[in-house]
Amino acid sequence: MMYITKEAKQLKQDIYNFLIFNNVKDIYEWIDFTKKDLKLYLYKKIGVSNIWSDVDNSNKLFQDVLADYLWFNDNKIFKQTSEKEKVKKGEEYIEFELYEI
């Protein structure tokens, strides 16, 4: 069993809320997530108020939530790029794009 911190649980819920609020299912309806040979590329950019945060800290959690929300296995992600930028406290964000390759 995997232990998840209170902060990680909150981040997971925040990501779900973000995906729902932004109608992500509608945006990516053109991708056939049931395709057996599907290969995806995930680009993610985060704005962090703590510049010491690693760029990859949220990768797996974000990837898992996105895959769960869009009903696909995250092993379909073959390529991933992550970027970060420093922002003021309270202005943190996540942007992402998902492509079929």
Foldseek 3Di string as FASTA:
>chain_A
DDDDDPVLVVVLVVLLVVCVVVVVLVVPVVDDQVDPLWAKEKEKEKEDQDPPDDQCPCVVSNLVSVCVVNVHDSVSYPHYHTYYHYDHPPPIDMDMDMDTD
